[in-house]
Amino acid sequence: MTDTHSLQAPASTNSAPSTNPVLFLQRQGVRQYVARNPRGAEVLVGEGPGRFTPGELLKIAVAGCNAMSSDKRLVDYLGADFAQLIGVTAEAVEEEDRYASFEVELIQDLSSVQAEERAALLRRAEAAIQRHCTIGHTLVSGATYQKMFTDEPVEEN
């Protein structure tokens, strides 16, 4: 595990991403945070208008992973400018404060693809998701995590 004392907020957002970049959430108020990555992207996290809850971000992660993993296969058949909408829902287990399952729906117009090619396309897209969707693999296999509280001054950005 990384020594948290050596974690520093990125000084520059122009550096090349590492294979395991450190992400940061900085508190802005009661149950309100801003998440940042080393590339300069920001997401508002927490309660209130314009913010994603952590559960919503998890749903977006699994939907985005499916979409990005299958994108090349769909582009090959539909062209680079095809329209797509991805929906995602989750079944909550309220008494355990967790999700039991996720359902992702990838919606696109396949009317320009012949029926026999359509089946092949969907097999290839599904295979790409099975090979490349890290979030899906993690959800299926499970993952552990560790947390710690560190007592030290925090610089305000």
Protein backbone atom coordinates (compact mmCIF):
# COMPACT_ATOMS: atom_id res chain seq x y z
CA MET A 1 0.00 0.00 0.00
CA THR A 2 1.19 3.51 -0.75
CA ASP A 3 2.39 5.56 2.21
CA THR A 4 -0.27 8.27 2.44
CA HIS A 5 2.25 10.79 3.77
CA SER A 6 3.92 10.80 0.35
CA LEU A 7 0.65 11.53 -1.48
CA GLN A 8 0.66 15.02 -2.87
CA ALA A 9 -1.95 16.77 -4.93
CA PRO A 10 -0.73 17.07 -8.51
CA ALA A 11 1.34 20.23 -8.92
CA SER A 12 0.75 20.22 -12.66
CA THR A 13 -2.18 18.79 -14.56
CA ASN A 14 -0.07 18.51 -17.72
CA SER A 15 2.01 15.54 -16.63
CA ALA A 16 1.58 12.19 -18.35
CA PRO A 17 -0.82 9.86 -16.54
CA SER A 18 0.80 7.03 -14.61
CA THR A 19 -0.52 3.48 -14.68
CA ASN A 20 -1.99 3.99 -11.22
CA PRO A 21 -2.62 7.73 -10.77
CA VAL A 22 -3.58 9.11 -7.39
CA LEU A 23 -7.02 10.67 -7.36
CA PHE A 24 -8.08 13.24 -4.78
CA LEU A 25 -11.30 14.39 -3.20
CA GLN A 26 -11.11 17.74 -1.47
CA ARG A 27 -13.76 18.79 0.99
CA GLN A 28 -15.78 21.86 0.03
CA GLY A 29 -18.50 21.74 2.67
CA VAL A 30 -20.77 19.40 4.59
CA ARG A 31 -20.92 16.18 2.47
CA GLN A 32 -19.62 18.12 -0.54
CA TYR A 33 -16.32 17.36 -2.29
CA VAL A 34 -14.54 17.98 -5.58
CA ALA A 35 -12.72 15.01 -7.11
CA ARG A 36 -9.65 15.66 -9.26
CA ASN A 37 -7.38 13.54 -11.40
CA PRO A 38 -3.82 14.30 -12.58
CA ARG A 39 -5.15 15.34 -16.03
CA GLY A 40 -7.08 18.28 -14.59
CA ALA A 41 -10.60 16.82 -14.71
CA GLU A 42 -12.98 17.63 -11.88
CA VAL A 43 -16.24 16.06 -10.72
CA LEU A 44 -18.45 17.47 -7.99
CA VAL A 45 -19.25 14.71 -5.49
CA GLY A 46 -21.74 14.65 -2.64
CA GLU A 47 -25.16 15.98 -1.86
CA GLY A 48 -26.75 18.92 -3.58
CA PRO A 49 -27.40 20.34 -7.04
CA GLY A 50 -24.77 19.62 -9.68
CA ARG A 51 -23.12 16.81 -7.70
CA PHE A 52 -22.88 13.07 -8.27
CA THR A 53 -23.25 10.71 -5.32
CA PRO A 54 -20.60 7.98 -4.97
CA GLY A 55 -23.26 5.41 -5.93
CA GLU A 56 -24.08 7.32 -9.11
CA LEU A 57 -20.39 7.47 -9.96
CA LEU A 58 -20.13 3.69 -9.55
CA LYS A 59 -23.07 3.23 -11.92
CA ILE A 60 -21.48 5.64 -14.41
CA ALA A 61 -18.19 3.74 -14.11
CA VAL A 62 -19.74 0.40 -15.06
CA ALA A 63 -21.77 1.95 -17.89
CA GLY A 64 -18.77 3.91 -19.17
CA CYS A 65 -16.56 0.83 -19.06
CA ASN A 66 -19.07 -1.13 -21.17
CA ALA A 67 -19.37 1.76 -23.62
CA MET A 68 -15.66 2.39 -24.00
CA SER A 69 -14.78 -1.32 -24.21
CA SER A 70 -17.24 -1.95 -27.06
CA ASP A 71 -16.82 1.38 -28.86
CA LYS A 72 -14.20 0.27 -31.42
CA ARG A 73 -16.28 -2.72 -32.48
CA LEU A 74 -19.35 -0.53 -33.01
CA VAL A 75 -17.32 2.12 -34.85
CA ASP A 76 -16.09 -0.57 -37.26
CA TYR A 77 -19.69 -1.26 -38.34
CA LEU A 78 -21.52 2.02 -37.70
CA GLY A 79 -18.86 4.67 -38.34
CA ALA A 80 -17.06 7.05 -36.02
CA ASP A 81 -20.02 9.38 -35.61
CA PHE A 82 -22.68 6.83 -34.57
CA ALA A 83 -25.10 7.91 -31.84
CA GLN A 84 -25.32 5.89 -28.65
CA LEU A 85 -27.05 6.22 -25.31
CA ILE A 86 -26.10 4.04 -22.34
CA GLY A 87 -28.54 3.53 -19.49
CA VAL A 88 -27.60 2.00 -16.15
CA THR A 89 -29.58 0.99 -13.09
CA ALA A 90 -28.69 -0.83 -9.90
CA GLU A 91 -30.63 -2.98 -7.49
CA ALA A 92 -29.99 -1.72 -3.96
CA VAL A 93 -29.94 -3.88 -0.84
CA GLU A 94 -30.97 -1.14 1.58
CA GLU A 95 -30.50 -3.12 4.81
CA GLU A 96 -26.88 -3.89 3.82
CA ASP A 97 -26.15 -0.46 2.30
CA ARG A 98 -24.84 -1.94 -0.97
CA TYR A 99 -25.83 -2.80 -4.52
CA ALA A 100 -26.77 -6.38 -5.44
CA SER A 101 -26.61 -5.96 -9.21
CA PHE A 102 -26.22 -3.54 -12.09
CA GLU A 103 -27.96 -3.50 -15.46
CA VAL A 104 -26.39 -1.68 -18.40
CA GLU A 105 -28.26 -1.05 -21.65
CA LEU A 106 -26.34 0.12 -24.72
CA ILE A 107 -28.75 1.73 -27.20
CA GLN A 108 -27.77 2.42 -30.80
CA ASP A 109 -29.42 2.20 -34.22
CA LEU A 110 -28.33 -1.02 -35.93
CA SER A 111 -30.82 -0.75 -38.82
CA SER A 112 -28.00 -0.17 -41.32
CA VAL A 113 -26.39 -3.51 -40.42
CA GLN A 114 -27.58 -6.71 -42.12
CA ALA A 115 -29.11 -9.31 -39.77
CA GLU A 116 -26.23 -11.80 -40.06
CA GLU A 117 -23.67 -9.01 -39.59
CA ARG A 118 -25.66 -7.64 -36.66
CA ALA A 119 -25.28 -10.91 -34.72
CA ALA A 120 -21.52 -10.91 -35.41
CA LEU A 121 -21.24 -7.27 -34.39
CA LEU A 122 -23.01 -7.87 -31.09
CA ARG A 123 -20.84 -10.95 -30.38
CA ARG A 124 -17.69 -8.89 -31.04
CA ALA A 125 -18.91 -5.98 -28.91
CA GLU A 126 -19.81 -8.36 -26.06
CA ALA A 127 -16.43 -10.11 -26.35
CA ALA A 128 -14.65 -6.74 -26.20
CA ILE A 129 -16.55 -5.89 -23.00
CA GLN A 130 -15.69 -9.30 -21.53
CA ARG A 131 -11.98 -8.73 -22.33
CA HIS A 132 -11.55 -5.05 -21.50
CA CYS A 133 -14.11 -3.83 -18.95
CA THR A 134 -12.03 -3.51 -15.78
CA ILE A 135 -14.96 -2.19 -13.76
CA GLY A 136 -17.12 -5.15 -14.77
CA HIS A 137 -14.32 -7.59 -13.94
CA THR A 138 -13.92 -5.93 -10.54
CA LEU A 139 -17.62 -6.10 -9.74
CA VAL A 140 -17.87 -9.75 -10.76
CA SER A 141 -14.71 -10.84 -8.93
CA GLY A 142 -14.97 -8.48 -5.98
CA ALA A 143 -12.22 -6.28 -4.60
CA THR A 144 -10.84 -5.39 -1.22
CA TYR A 145 -9.98 -1.93 -0.07
CA GLN A 146 -8.24 -0.37 2.89
CA LYS A 147 -8.76 2.98 4.55
CA MET A 148 -6.87 4.97 7.13
CA PHE A 149 -7.16 8.30 8.85
CA THR A 150 -3.98 10.39 8.78
CA ASP A 151 -3.36 13.26 11.18
CA GLU A 152 -1.52 16.04 9.36
CA PRO A 153 -2.19 19.56 8.05
CA VAL A 154 -4.03 19.79 4.71
CA GLU A 155 -3.24 22.62 2.31
CA GLU A 156 -6.23 24.44 0.84
CA ASN A 157 -6.30 24.79 -2.96
